[in-house]
């Protein structure tokens, strides 16, 4: 996963994974939400960076859900499994989310 095309997004695979985890655990109503998420990503990104990244994520999701994405390009859908490597990258955050992973491990 180290070969994630950071040049395309400005975010490494690890930063994206931490960003996704942070979105899952930081309440949307928390007043300093973006500051907390930026810190959880590793401190390299600003509040503005994470807010912009969130908008891009929402746009991507809307595009996917609109049916405009040709799903045949990627072949058959596959399960994505939580690995020990993911845990190592995420550190203590990953350990807190082990329960979430255990809820969706069919096919792993």
PDB file of N, CA and C in Angstrom:
ATOM      1  N   UNK A   1       0.803  -1.207   0.000  1.00  0.00           N
ATOM      2  CA  UNK A   1       0.000   0.000   0.000  1.00  0.00           C
ATOM      3  C   UNK A   1       0.843   1.266   0.000  1.00  0.00           C
ATOM      4  N   UNK A   2       2.137   1.130   0.175  1.00  0.00           N
ATOM      5  CA  UNK A   2       3.002   2.292   0.194  1.00  0.00           C
ATOM      6  C   UNK A   2       3.046   3.000  -1.152  1.00  0.00           C
ATOM      7  N   UNK A   3       2.587   2.337  -2.214  1.00  0.00           N
ATOM      8  CA  UNK A   3       2.658   2.904  -3.539  1.00  0.00           C
ATOM      9  C   UNK A   3       1.389   3.673  -3.900  1.00  0.00           C
ATOM     10  N   UNK A   4       0.565   3.979  -2.919  1.00  0.00           N
ATOM     11  CA  UNK A   4      -0.642   4.773  -3.143  1.00  0.00           C
ATOM     12  C   UNK A   4      -0.232   6.075  -3.835  1.00  0.00           C
ATOM     13  N   UNK A   5      -0.910   6.450  -4.905  1.00  0.00           N
ATOM     14  CA  UNK A   5      -0.486   7.618  -5.687  1.00  0.00           C
ATOM     15  C   UNK A   5      -0.713   8.943  -4.961  1.00  0.00           C
ATOM     16  N   UNK A   6       0.177   9.274  -4.042  1.00  0.00           N
ATOM     17  CA  UNK A   6       0.056  10.493  -3.260  1.00  0.00           C
ATOM     18  C   UNK A   6       0.066  11.728  -4.156  1.00  0.00           C
ATOM     19  N   UNK A   7       0.778  11.647  -5.267  1.00  0.00           N
ATOM     20  CA  UNK A   7       0.853  12.805  -6.157  1.00  0.00           C
ATOM     21  C   UNK A   7      -0.515  13.175  -6.725  1.00  0.00           C
ATOM     22  N   UNK A   8      -1.424  12.216  -6.797  1.00  0.00           N
ATOM     23  CA  UNK A   8      -2.750  12.502  -7.331  1.00  0.00           C
ATOM     24  C   UNK A   8      -3.640  13.224  -6.330  1.00  0.00           C
ATOM     25  N   UNK A   9      -3.467  12.918  -5.058  1.00  0.00           N
ATOM     26  CA  UNK A   9      -4.363  13.485  -4.058  1.00  0.00           C
ATOM     27  C   UNK A   9      -3.656  14.348  -3.025  1.00  0.00           C
ATOM     28  N   UNK A  10      -2.341  14.214  -2.918  1.00  0.00           N
ATOM     29  CA  UNK A  10      -1.617  14.933  -1.877  1.00  0.00           C
ATOM     30  C   UNK A  10      -1.721  14.253  -0.524  1.00  0.00           C
ATOM     31  N   UNK A  11      -2.369  13.083  -0.483  1.00  0.00           N
ATOM     32  CA  UNK A  11      -2.566  12.327   0.743  1.00  0.00           C
ATOM     33  C   UNK A  11      -2.006  10.925   0.542  1.00  0.00           C
ATOM     34  N   UNK A  12      -1.237  10.450   1.508  1.00  0.00           N
ATOM     35  CA  UNK A  12      -0.729   9.077   1.431  1.00  0.00           C
ATOM     36  C   UNK A  12      -1.851   8.106   1.795  1.00  0.00           C
ATOM     37  N   UNK A  13      -1.608   6.825   1.528  1.00  0.00           N
ATOM     38  CA  UNK A  13      -2.575   5.800   1.900  1.00  0.00           C
ATOM     39  C   UNK A  13      -2.828   5.832   3.406  1.00  0.00           C
ATOM     40  N   UNK A  14      -1.750   5.969   4.178  1.00  0.00           N
ATOM     41  CA  UNK A  14      -1.883   5.997   5.637  1.00  0.00           C
ATOM     42  C   UNK A  14      -2.702   7.194   6.099  1.00  0.00           C
ATOM     43  N   UNK A  15      -2.442   8.365   5.499  1.00  0.00           N
ATOM     44  CA  UNK A  15      -3.213   9.558   5.859  1.00  0.00           C
ATOM     45  C   UNK A  15      -4.683   9.370   5.519  1.00  0.00           C
ATOM     46  N   UNK A  16      -4.984   8.791   4.377  1.00  0.00           N
ATOM     47  CA  UNK A  16      -6.376   8.529   4.000  1.00  0.00           C
ATOM     48  C   UNK A  16      -7.049   7.583   4.971  1.00  0.00           C
ATOM     49  N   UNK A  17      -6.339   6.530   5.358  1.00  0.00           N
ATOM     50  CA  UNK A  17      -6.895   5.554   6.298  1.00  0.00           C
ATOM     51  C   UNK A  17      -7.168   6.228   7.651  1.00  0.00           C
ATOM     52  N   UNK A  18      -6.217   7.014   8.136  1.00  0.00           N
ATOM     53  CA  UNK A  18      -6.405   7.727   9.403  1.00  0.00           C
ATOM     54  C   UNK A  18      -7.553   8.732   9.299  1.00  0.00           C
ATOM     55  N   UNK A  19      -7.667   9.384   8.161  1.00  0.00           N
ATOM     56  CA  UNK A  19      -8.756  10.332   7.915  1.00  0.00           C
ATOM     57  C   UNK A  19     -10.111   9.627   8.007  1.00  0.00           C
ATOM     58  N   UNK A  20     -10.220   8.479   7.356  1.00  0.00           N
ATOM     59  CA  UNK A  20     -11.470   7.719   7.386  1.00  0.00           C
ATOM     60  C   UNK A  20     -11.818   7.283   8.801  1.00  0.00           C
ATOM     61  N   UNK A  21     -10.820   6.829   9.537  1.00  0.00           N
ATOM     62  CA  UNK A  21     -11.052   6.408  10.923  1.00  0.00           C
ATOM     63  C   UNK A  21     -11.489   7.609  11.760  1.00  0.00           C
ATOM     64  N   UNK A  22     -10.809   8.725  11.578  1.00  0.00           N
ATOM     65  CA  UNK A  22     -11.145   9.933  12.347  1.00  0.00           C
ATOM     66  C   UNK A  22     -12.578  10.371  12.068  1.00  0.00           C
ATOM     67  N   UNK A  23     -13.002  10.309  10.810  1.00  0.00           N
ATOM     68  CA  UNK A  23     -14.389  10.668  10.480  1.00  0.00           C
ATOM     69  C   UNK A  23     -15.377   9.765  11.203  1.00  0.00           C
ATOM     70  N   UNK A  24     -14.994   8.510  11.367  1.00  0.00           N
ATOM     71  CA  UNK A  24     -15.885   7.550  12.015  1.00  0.00           C
ATOM     72  C   UNK A  24     -15.989   7.768  13.520  1.00  0.00           C
ATOM     73  N   UNK A  25     -14.937   8.277  14.132  1.00  0.00           N
ATOM     74  CA  UNK A  25     -14.943   8.357  15.601  1.00  0.00           C
ATOM     75  C   UNK A  25     -15.165   9.759  16.160  1.00  0.00           C
ATOM     76  N   UNK A  26     -14.999  10.793  15.349  1.00  0.00           N
ATOM     77  CA  UNK A  26     -15.194  12.162  15.837  1.00  0.00           C
ATOM     78  C   UNK A  26     -16.612  12.606  15.494  1.00  0.00           C
ATOM     79  N   UNK A  27     -17.361  12.958  16.504  1.00  0.00           N
ATOM     80  CA  UNK A  27     -18.753  13.356  16.342  1.00  0.00           C
ATOM     81  C   UNK A  27     -18.886  14.561  15.412  1.00  0.00           C
ATOM     82  N   UNK A  28     -19.871  14.511  14.529  1.00  0.00           N
ATOM     83  CA  UNK A  28     -20.107  15.607  13.592  1.00  0.00           C
ATOM     84  C   UNK A  28     -20.443  16.916  14.304  1.00  0.00           C
ATOM     85  N   UNK A  29     -20.994  16.831  15.493  1.00  0.00           N
ATOM     86  CA  UNK A  29     -21.397  18.020  16.234  1.00  0.00           C
ATOM     87  C   UNK A  29     -20.276  18.597  17.103  1.00  0.00           C
ATOM     88  N   UNK A  30     -19.145  17.940  17.159  1.00  0.00           N
ATOM     89  CA  UNK A  30     -18.037  18.423  17.983  1.00  0.00           C
ATOM     90  C   UNK A  30     -17.544  19.758  17.419  1.00  0.00           C
ATOM     91  N   UNK A  31     -17.510  20.798  18.247  1.00  0.00           N
ATOM     92  CA  UNK A  31     -17.154  22.142  17.750  1.00  0.00           C
ATOM     93  C   UNK A  31     -15.778  22.216  17.083  1.00  0.00           C
ATOM     94  N   UNK A  32     -14.813  21.481  17.593  1.00  0.00           N
ATOM     95  CA  UNK A  32     -13.460  21.521  17.019  1.00  0.00           C
ATOM     96  C   UNK A  32     -13.177  20.269  16.182  1.00  0.00           C
ATOM     97  N   UNK A  33     -14.213  19.766  15.525  1.00  0.00           N
ATOM     98  CA  UNK A  33     -14.122  18.512  14.777  1.00  0.00           C
ATOM     99  C   UNK A  33     -12.943  18.487  13.800  1.00  0.00           C
ATOM    100  N   UNK A  34     -12.803  19.505  12.983  1.00  0.00           N
ATOM    101  CA  UNK A  34     -11.768  19.496  11.942  1.00  0.00           C
ATOM    102  C   UNK A  34     -10.376  19.601  12.553  1.00  0.00           C
ATOM    103  N   UNK A  35     -10.250  20.310  13.635  1.00  0.00           N
ATOM    104  CA  UNK A  35      -8.961  20.395  14.339  1.00  0.00           C
ATOM    105  C   UNK A  35      -8.574  19.017  14.892  1.00  0.00           C
ATOM    106  N   UNK A  36      -9.537  18.329  15.492  1.00  0.00           N
ATOM    107  CA  UNK A  36      -9.292  16.995  16.046  1.00  0.00           C
ATOM    108  C   UNK A  36      -8.936  16.015  14.929  1.00  0.00           C
ATOM    109  N   UNK A  37      -9.685  16.059  13.836  1.00  0.00           N
ATOM    110  CA  UNK A  37      -9.409  15.160  12.717  1.00  0.00           C
ATOM    111  C   UNK A  37      -8.022  15.433  12.145  1.00  0.00           C
ATOM    112  N   UNK A  38      -7.662  16.702  11.984  1.00  0.00           N
ATOM    113  CA  UNK A  38      -6.324  17.040  11.473  1.00  0.00           C
ATOM    114  C   UNK A  38      -5.245  16.471  12.383  1.00  0.00           C
ATOM    115  N   UNK A  39      -5.445  16.551  13.686  1.00  0.00           N
ATOM    116  CA  UNK A  39      -4.462  16.002  14.630  1.00  0.00           C
ATOM    117  C   UNK A  39      -4.392  14.478  14.512  1.00  0.00           C
ATOM    118  N   UNK A  40      -5.539  13.840  14.326  1.00  0.00           N
ATOM    119  CA  UNK A  40      -5.565  12.381  14.226  1.00  0.00           C
ATOM    120  C   UNK A  40      -4.904  11.876  12.946  1.00  0.00           C
ATOM    121  N   UNK A  41      -4.896  12.702  11.911  1.00  0.00           N
ATOM    122  CA  UNK A  41      -4.258  12.315  10.657  1.00  0.00           C
ATOM    123  C   UNK A  41      -2.740  12.351  10.801  1.00  0.00           C
ATOM    124  N   UNK A  42      -2.246  13.013  11.808  1.00  0.00           N
ATOM    125  CA  UNK A  42      -0.808  13.010  12.058  1.00  0.00           C
ATOM    126  C   UNK A  42      -0.199  14.386  12.174  1.00  0.00           C
ATOM    127  N   UNK A  43      -1.005  15.416  12.076  1.00  0.00           N
ATOM    128  CA  UNK A  43      -0.499  16.764  12.266  1.00  0.00           C
ATOM    129  C   UNK A  43       0.099  17.412  11.031  1.00  0.00           C
ATOM    130  N   UNK A  44       0.172  16.675   9.921  1.00  0.00           N
ATOM    131  CA  UNK A  44       0.730  17.229   8.682  1.00  0.00           C
ATOM    132  C   UNK A  44      -0.317  18.040   7.901  1.00  0.00           C
ATOM    133  N   UNK A  45      -1.580  17.800   8.207  1.00  0.00           N
ATOM    134  CA  UNK A  45      -2.670  18.453   7.478  1.00  0.00           C
ATOM    135  C   UNK A  45      -3.333  19.490   8.379  1.00  0.00           C
ATOM    136  N   UNK A  46      -3.759  20.584   7.754  1.00  0.00           N
ATOM    137  CA  UNK A  46      -4.450  21.643   8.495  1.00  0.00           C
ATOM    138  C   UNK A  46      -5.943  21.333   8.567  1.00  0.00           C
ATOM    139  N   UNK A  47      -6.653  22.121   9.374  1.00  0.00           N
ATOM    140  CA  UNK A  47      -8.105  21.992   9.439  1.00  0.00           C
ATOM    141  C   UNK A  47      -8.705  22.201   8.048  1.00  0.00           C
ATOM    142  N   UNK A  48      -8.183  23.187   7.322  1.00  0.00           N
ATOM    143  CA  UNK A  48      -8.676  23.460   5.981  1.00  0.00           C
ATOM    144  C   UNK A  48      -8.410  22.280   5.041  1.00  0.00           C
ATOM    145  N   UNK A  49      -7.238  21.651   5.173  1.00  0.00           N
ATOM    146  CA  UNK A  49      -6.914  20.480   4.348  1.00  0.00           C
ATOM    147  C   UNK A  49      -7.926  19.362   4.561  1.00  0.00           C
ATOM    148  N   UNK A  50      -8.254  19.069   5.827  1.00  0.00           N
ATOM    149  CA  UNK A  50      -9.163  17.953   6.087  1.00  0.00           C
ATOM    150  C   UNK A  50     -10.589  18.292   5.672  1.00  0.00           C
ATOM    151  N   UNK A  51     -10.985  19.551   5.804  1.00  0.00           N
ATOM    152  CA  UNK A  51     -12.316  19.945   5.344  1.00  0.00           C
ATOM    153  C   UNK A  51     -12.420  19.805   3.827  1.00  0.00           C
ATOM    154  N   UNK A  52     -11.402  20.230   3.101  1.00  0.00           N
ATOM    155  CA  UNK A  52     -11.401  20.103   1.634  1.00  0.00           C
ATOM    156  C   UNK A  52     -11.402  18.635   1.231  1.00  0.00           C
ATOM    157  N   UNK A  53     -10.628  17.820   1.940  1.00  0.00           N
ATOM    158  CA  UNK A  53     -10.565  16.393   1.646  1.00  0.00           C
ATOM    159  C   UNK A  53     -11.932  15.743   1.878  1.00  0.00           C
ATOM    160  N   UNK A  54     -12.644  16.198   2.892  1.00  0.00           N
ATOM    161  CA  UNK A  54     -13.988  15.703   3.181  1.00  0.00           C
ATOM    162  C   UNK A  54     -14.949  16.045   2.038  1.00  0.00           C
ATOM    163  N   UNK A  55     -14.862  17.258   1.519  1.00  0.00           N
ATOM    164  CA  UNK A  55     -15.726  17.662   0.406  1.00  0.00           C
ATOM    165  C   UNK A  55     -15.449  16.789  -0.813  1.00  0.00           C
ATOM    166  N   UNK A  56     -14.179  16.514  -1.094  1.00  0.00           N
ATOM    167  CA  UNK A  56     -13.816  15.646  -2.217  1.00  0.00           C
ATOM    168  C   UNK A  56     -14.378  14.247  -2.001  1.00  0.00           C
ATOM    169  N   UNK A  57     -14.274  13.740  -0.764  1.00  0.00           N
ATOM    170  CA  UNK A  57     -14.822  12.422  -0.445  1.00  0.00           C
ATOM    171  C   UNK A  57     -16.324  12.382  -0.708  1.00  0.00           C
ATOM    172  N   UNK A  58     -17.043  13.415  -0.261  1.00  0.00           N
ATOM    173  CA  UNK A  58     -18.490  13.467  -0.493  1.00  0.00           C
ATOM    174  C   UNK A  58     -18.813  13.505  -1.990  1.00  0.00           C
ATOM    175  N   UNK A  59     -18.040  14.276  -2.749  1.00  0.00           N
ATOM    176  CA  UNK A  59     -18.255  14.338  -4.189  1.00  0.00           C
ATOM    177  C   UNK A  59     -18.011  12.972  -4.833  1.00  0.00           C
ATOM    178  N   UNK A  60     -16.959  12.281  -4.387  1.00  0.00           N
ATOM    179  CA  UNK A  60     -16.679  10.935  -4.900  1.00  0.00           C
ATOM    180  C   UNK A  60     -17.827   9.983  -4.597  1.00  0.00           C
ATOM    181  N   UNK A  61     -18.331  10.044  -3.373  1.00  0.00           N
ATOM    182  CA  UNK A  61     -19.438   9.166  -2.982  1.00  0.00           C
ATOM    183  C   UNK A  61     -20.686   9.453  -3.808  1.00  0.00           C
ATOM    184  N   UNK A  62     -20.975  10.726  -4.032  1.00  0.00           N
ATOM    185  CA  UNK A  62     -22.140  11.086  -4.837  1.00  0.00           C
ATOM    186  C   UNK A  62     -21.988  10.548  -6.262  1.00  0.00           C
ATOM    187  N   UNK A  63     -20.783  10.626  -6.801  1.00  0.00           N
ATOM    188  CA  UNK A  63     -20.523  10.131  -8.154  1.00  0.00           C
ATOM    189  C   UNK A  63     -20.720   8.616  -8.214  1.00  0.00           C
ATOM    190  N   UNK A  64     -20.190   7.918  -7.237  1.00  0.00           N
ATOM    191  CA  UNK A  64     -20.325   6.457  -7.188  1.00  0.00           C
ATOM    192  C   UNK A  64     -21.790   6.064  -7.051  1.00  0.00           C
ATOM    193  N   UNK A  65     -22.499   6.718  -6.129  1.00  0.00           N
ATOM    194  CA  UNK A  65     -23.892   6.376  -5.874  1.00  0.00           C
ATOM    195  C   UNK A  65     -24.814   6.781  -7.021  1.00  0.00           C
ATOM    196  N   UNK A  66     -24.372   7.694  -7.874  1.00  0.00           N
ATOM    197  CA  UNK A  66     -25.207   8.130  -8.990  1.00  0.00           C
ATOM    198  C   UNK A  66     -25.302   7.064 -10.077  1.00  0.00           C
ATOM    199  N   UNK A  67     -24.426   6.062 -10.010  1.00  0.00           N
ATOM    200  CA  UNK A  67     -24.423   5.003 -11.009  1.00  0.00           C
ATOM    201  C   UNK A  67     -23.604   5.336 -12.236  1.00  0.00           C
ATOM    202  N   UNK A  68     -22.924   6.466 -12.228  1.00  0.00           N
ATOM    203  CA  UNK A  68     -22.126   6.877 -13.378  1.00  0.00           C
ATOM    204  C   UNK A  68     -20.789   6.139 -13.456  1.00  0.00           C
ATOM    205  N   UNK A  69     -20.386   5.526 -12.379  1.00  0.00           N
ATOM    206  CA  UNK A  69     -19.123   4.802 -12.339  1.00  0.00           C
ATOM    207  C   UNK A  69     -19.332   3.423 -12.935  1.00  0.00           C
ATOM    208  N   UNK A  70     -18.529   3.075 -13.933  1.00  0.00           N
ATOM    209  CA  UNK A  70     -18.626   1.767 -14.569  1.00  0.00           C
ATOM    210  C   UNK A  70     -17.993   0.727 -13.658  1.00  0.00           C
ATOM    211  N   UNK A  71     -18.827   0.019 -12.918  1.00  0.00           N
ATOM    212  CA  UNK A  71     -18.329  -0.951 -11.943  1.00  0.00           C
ATOM    213  C   UNK A  71     -17.712  -2.177 -12.592  1.00  0.00           C
ATOM    214  N   UNK A  72     -17.918  -2.360 -13.875  1.00  0.00           N
ATOM    215  CA  UNK A  72     -17.343  -3.508 -14.569  1.00  0.00           C
ATOM    216  C   UNK A  72     -15.834  -3.383 -14.705  1.00  0.00           C
ATOM    217  N   UNK A  73     -15.311  -2.179 -14.629  1.00  0.00           N
ATOM    218  CA  UNK A  73     -13.878  -1.969 -14.794  1.00  0.00           C
ATOM    219  C   UNK A  73     -13.065  -2.681 -13.725  1.00  0.00           C
ATOM    220  N   UNK A  74     -13.573  -2.736 -12.533  1.00  0.00           N
ATOM    221  CA  UNK A  74     -12.834  -3.333 -11.424  1.00  0.00           C
ATOM    222  C   UNK A  74     -13.097  -4.810 -11.240  1.00  0.00           C
ATOM    223  N   UNK A  75     -13.965  -5.398 -12.041  1.00  0.00           N
ATOM    224  CA  UNK A  75     -14.283  -6.806 -11.873  1.00  0.00           C
ATOM    225  C   UNK A  75     -15.322  -7.003 -10.793  1.00  0.00           C
ATOM    226  N   UNK A  76     -15.342  -8.201 -10.254  1.00  0.00           N
ATOM    227  CA  UNK A  76     -16.313  -8.543  -9.216  1.00  0.00           C
ATOM    228  C   UNK A  76     -15.994  -7.813  -7.917  1.00  0.00           C
ATOM    229  N   UNK A  77     -17.014  -7.390  -7.177  1.00  0.00           N
ATOM    230  CA  UNK A  77     -16.772  -6.755  -5.883  1.00  0.00           C
ATOM    231  C   UNK A  77     -16.056  -7.725  -4.953  1.00  0.00           C
ATOM    232  N   UNK A  78     -15.178  -7.188  -4.131  1.00  0.00           N
ATOM    233  CA  UNK A  78     -14.427  -8.008  -3.198  1.00  0.00           C
ATOM    234  C   UNK A  78     -14.566  -7.448  -1.793  1.00  0.00           C
ATOM    235  N   UNK A  79     -14.464  -8.340  -0.807  1.00  0.00           N
ATOM    236  CA  UNK A  79     -14.462  -7.896   0.579  1.00  0.00           C
ATOM    237  C   UNK A  79     -13.144  -7.216   0.885  1.00  0.00           C
ATOM    238  N   UNK A  80     -13.210  -6.209   1.718  1.00  0.00           N
ATOM    239  CA  UNK A  80     -11.996  -5.565   2.207  1.00  0.00           C
ATOM    240  C   UNK A  80     -11.875  -5.951   3.672  1.00  0.00           C
ATOM    241  N   UNK A  81     -10.775  -6.597   4.002  1.00  0.00           N
ATOM    242  CA  UNK A  81     -10.596  -7.110   5.354  1.00  0.00           C
ATOM    243  C   UNK A  81      -9.590  -6.269   6.127  1.00  0.00           C
ATOM    244  N   UNK A  82      -9.859  -6.102   7.394  1.00  0.00           N
ATOM    245  CA  UNK A  82      -8.972  -5.405   8.315  1.00  0.00           C
ATOM    246  C   UNK A  82      -7.782  -6.306   8.585  1.00  0.00           C
ATOM    247  N   UNK A  83      -6.580  -5.803   8.399  1.00  0.00           N
ATOM    248  CA  UNK A  83      -5.395  -6.624   8.565  1.00  0.00           C
ATOM    249  C   UNK A  83      -4.571  -6.169   9.760  1.00  0.00           C
ATOM    250  N   UNK A  84      -3.624  -7.013  10.179  1.00  0.00           N
ATOM    251  CA  UNK A  84      -2.693  -6.611  11.226  1.00  0.00           C
ATOM    252  C   UNK A  84      -1.890  -5.396  10.781  1.00  0.00           C
ATOM    253  N   UNK A  85      -1.594  -5.318   9.487  1.00  0.00           N
ATOM    254  CA  UNK A  85      -0.875  -4.160   8.952  1.00  0.00           C
ATOM    255  C   UNK A  85      -1.660  -2.879   9.148  1.00  0.00           C
ATOM    256  N   UNK A  86      -2.989  -2.950   8.938  1.00  0.00           N
ATOM    257  CA  UNK A  86      -3.837  -1.785   9.186  1.00  0.00           C
ATOM    258  C   UNK A  86      -3.762  -1.385  10.650  1.00  0.00           C
ATOM    259  N   UNK A  87      -3.809  -2.369  11.531  1.00  0.00           N
ATOM    260  CA  UNK A  87      -3.707  -2.091  12.963  1.00  0.00           C
ATOM    261  C   UNK A  87      -2.393  -1.409  13.294  1.00  0.00           C
ATOM    262  N   UNK A  88      -1.298  -1.886  12.699  1.00  0.00           N
ATOM    263  CA  UNK A  88       0.011  -1.301  12.969  1.00  0.00           C
ATOM    264  C   UNK A  88       0.076   0.147  12.516  1.00  0.00           C
ATOM    265  N   UNK A  89      -0.496   0.427  11.356  1.00  0.00           N
ATOM    266  CA  UNK A  89      -0.488   1.788  10.826  1.00  0.00           C
ATOM    267  C   UNK A  89      -1.324   2.712  11.704  1.00  0.00           C
ATOM    268  N   UNK A  90      -2.462   2.228  12.132  1.00  0.00           N
ATOM    269  CA  UNK A  90      -3.380   3.062  12.884  1.00  0.00           C
ATOM    270  C   UNK A  90      -3.044   3.157  14.364  1.00  0.00           C
ATOM    271  N   UNK A  91      -2.185   2.275  14.849  1.00  0.00           N
ATOM    272  CA  UNK A  91      -1.775   2.325  16.250  1.00  0.00           C
ATOM    273  C   UNK A  91      -2.947   2.189  17.190  1.00  0.00           C
ATOM    274  N   UNK A  92      -2.992   3.033  18.196  1.00  0.00           N
ATOM    275  CA  UNK A  92      -4.019   2.918  19.232  1.00  0.00           C
ATOM    276  C   UNK A  92      -5.415   3.156  18.680  1.00  0.00           C
ATOM    277  N   UNK A  93      -5.549   3.963  17.641  1.00  0.00           N
ATOM    278  CA  UNK A  93      -6.869   4.187  17.046  1.00  0.00           C
ATOM    279  C   UNK A  93      -7.393   2.875  16.479  1.00  0.00           C
ATOM    280  N   UNK A  94      -6.510   2.125  15.830  1.00  0.00           N
ATOM    281  CA  UNK A  94      -6.906   0.844  15.256  1.00  0.00           C
ATOM    282  C   UNK A  94      -7.399  -0.122  16.301  1.00  0.00           C
ATOM    283  N   UNK A  95      -6.730  -0.146  17.455  1.00  0.00           N
ATOM    284  CA  UNK A  95      -7.149  -1.054  18.522  1.00  0.00           C
ATOM    285  C   UNK A  95      -8.536  -0.698  19.043  1.00  0.00           C
ATOM    286  N   UNK A  96      -8.852   0.586  19.071  1.00  0.00           N
ATOM    287  CA  UNK A  96     -10.174   1.012  19.536  1.00  0.00           C
ATOM    288  C   UNK A  96     -11.258   0.599  18.545  1.00  0.00           C
ATOM    289  N   UNK A  97     -10.870   0.444  17.276  1.00  0.00           N
ATOM    290  CA  UNK A  97     -11.858   0.118  16.248  1.00  0.00           C
ATOM    291  C   UNK A  97     -11.966  -1.369  15.975  1.00  0.00           C
ATOM    292  N   UNK A  98     -11.220  -2.175  16.697  1.00  0.00           N
ATOM    293  CA  UNK A  98     -11.239  -3.626  16.472  1.00  0.00           C
ATOM    294  C   UNK A  98     -12.664  -4.149  16.587  1.00  0.00           C
ATOM    295  N   UNK A  99     -13.453  -3.568  17.498  1.00  0.00           N
ATOM    296  CA  UNK A  99     -14.836  -3.992  17.665  1.00  0.00           C
ATOM    297  C   UNK A  99     -15.634  -3.717  16.390  1.00  0.00           C
ATOM    298  N   UNK A 100     -15.433  -2.554  15.780  1.00  0.00           N
ATOM    299  CA  UNK A 100     -16.146  -2.234  14.549  1.00  0.00           C
ATOM    300  C   UNK A 100     -15.817  -3.244  13.470  1.00  0.00           C
ATOM    301  N   UNK A 101     -14.552  -3.625  13.388  1.00  0.00           N
ATOM    302  CA  UNK A 101     -14.123  -4.600  12.391  1.00  0.00           C
ATOM    303  C   UNK A 101     -14.778  -5.947  12.647  1.00  0.00           C
ATOM    304  N   UNK A 102     -14.886  -6.341  13.896  1.00  0.00           N
ATOM    305  CA  UNK A 102     -15.449  -7.658  14.211  1.00  0.00           C
ATOM    306  C   UNK A 102     -16.913  -7.757  13.822  1.00  0.00           C
ATOM    307  N   UNK A 103     -17.564  -6.606  13.627  1.00  0.00           N
ATOM    308  CA  UNK A 103     -18.963  -6.613  13.227  1.00  0.00           C
ATOM    309  C   UNK A 103     -19.136  -6.902  11.731  1.00  0.00           C
ATOM    310  N   UNK A 104     -18.068  -6.722  10.960  1.00  0.00           N
ATOM    311  CA  UNK A 104     -18.184  -6.896   9.513  1.00  0.00           C
ATOM    312  C   UNK A 104     -16.985  -7.664   8.976  1.00  0.00           C
ATOM    313  N   UNK A 105     -16.851  -8.927   9.347  1.00  0.00           N
ATOM    314  CA  UNK A 105     -15.717  -9.707   8.902  1.00  0.00           C
ATOM    315  C   UNK A 105     -16.129 -10.889   8.030  1.00  0.00           C
ATOM    316  N   UNK A 106     -17.324 -10.858   7.522  1.00  0.00           N
ATOM    317  CA  UNK A 106     -17.763 -11.951   6.654  1.00  0.00           C
ATOM    318  C   UNK A 106     -16.858 -12.008   5.434  1.00  0.00           C
ATOM    319  N   UNK A 107     -16.354 -13.165   5.136  1.00  0.00           N
ATOM    320  CA  UNK A 107     -15.486 -13.331   3.979  1.00  0.00           C
ATOM    321  C   UNK A 107     -14.029 -13.065   4.244  1.00  0.00           C
ATOM    322  N   UNK A 108     -13.668 -12.686   5.449  1.00  0.00           N
ATOM    323  CA  UNK A 108     -12.268 -12.406   5.769  1.00  0.00           C
ATOM    324  C   UNK A 108     -11.563 -13.662   6.257  1.00  0.00           C
TER     325      UNK A 108
END
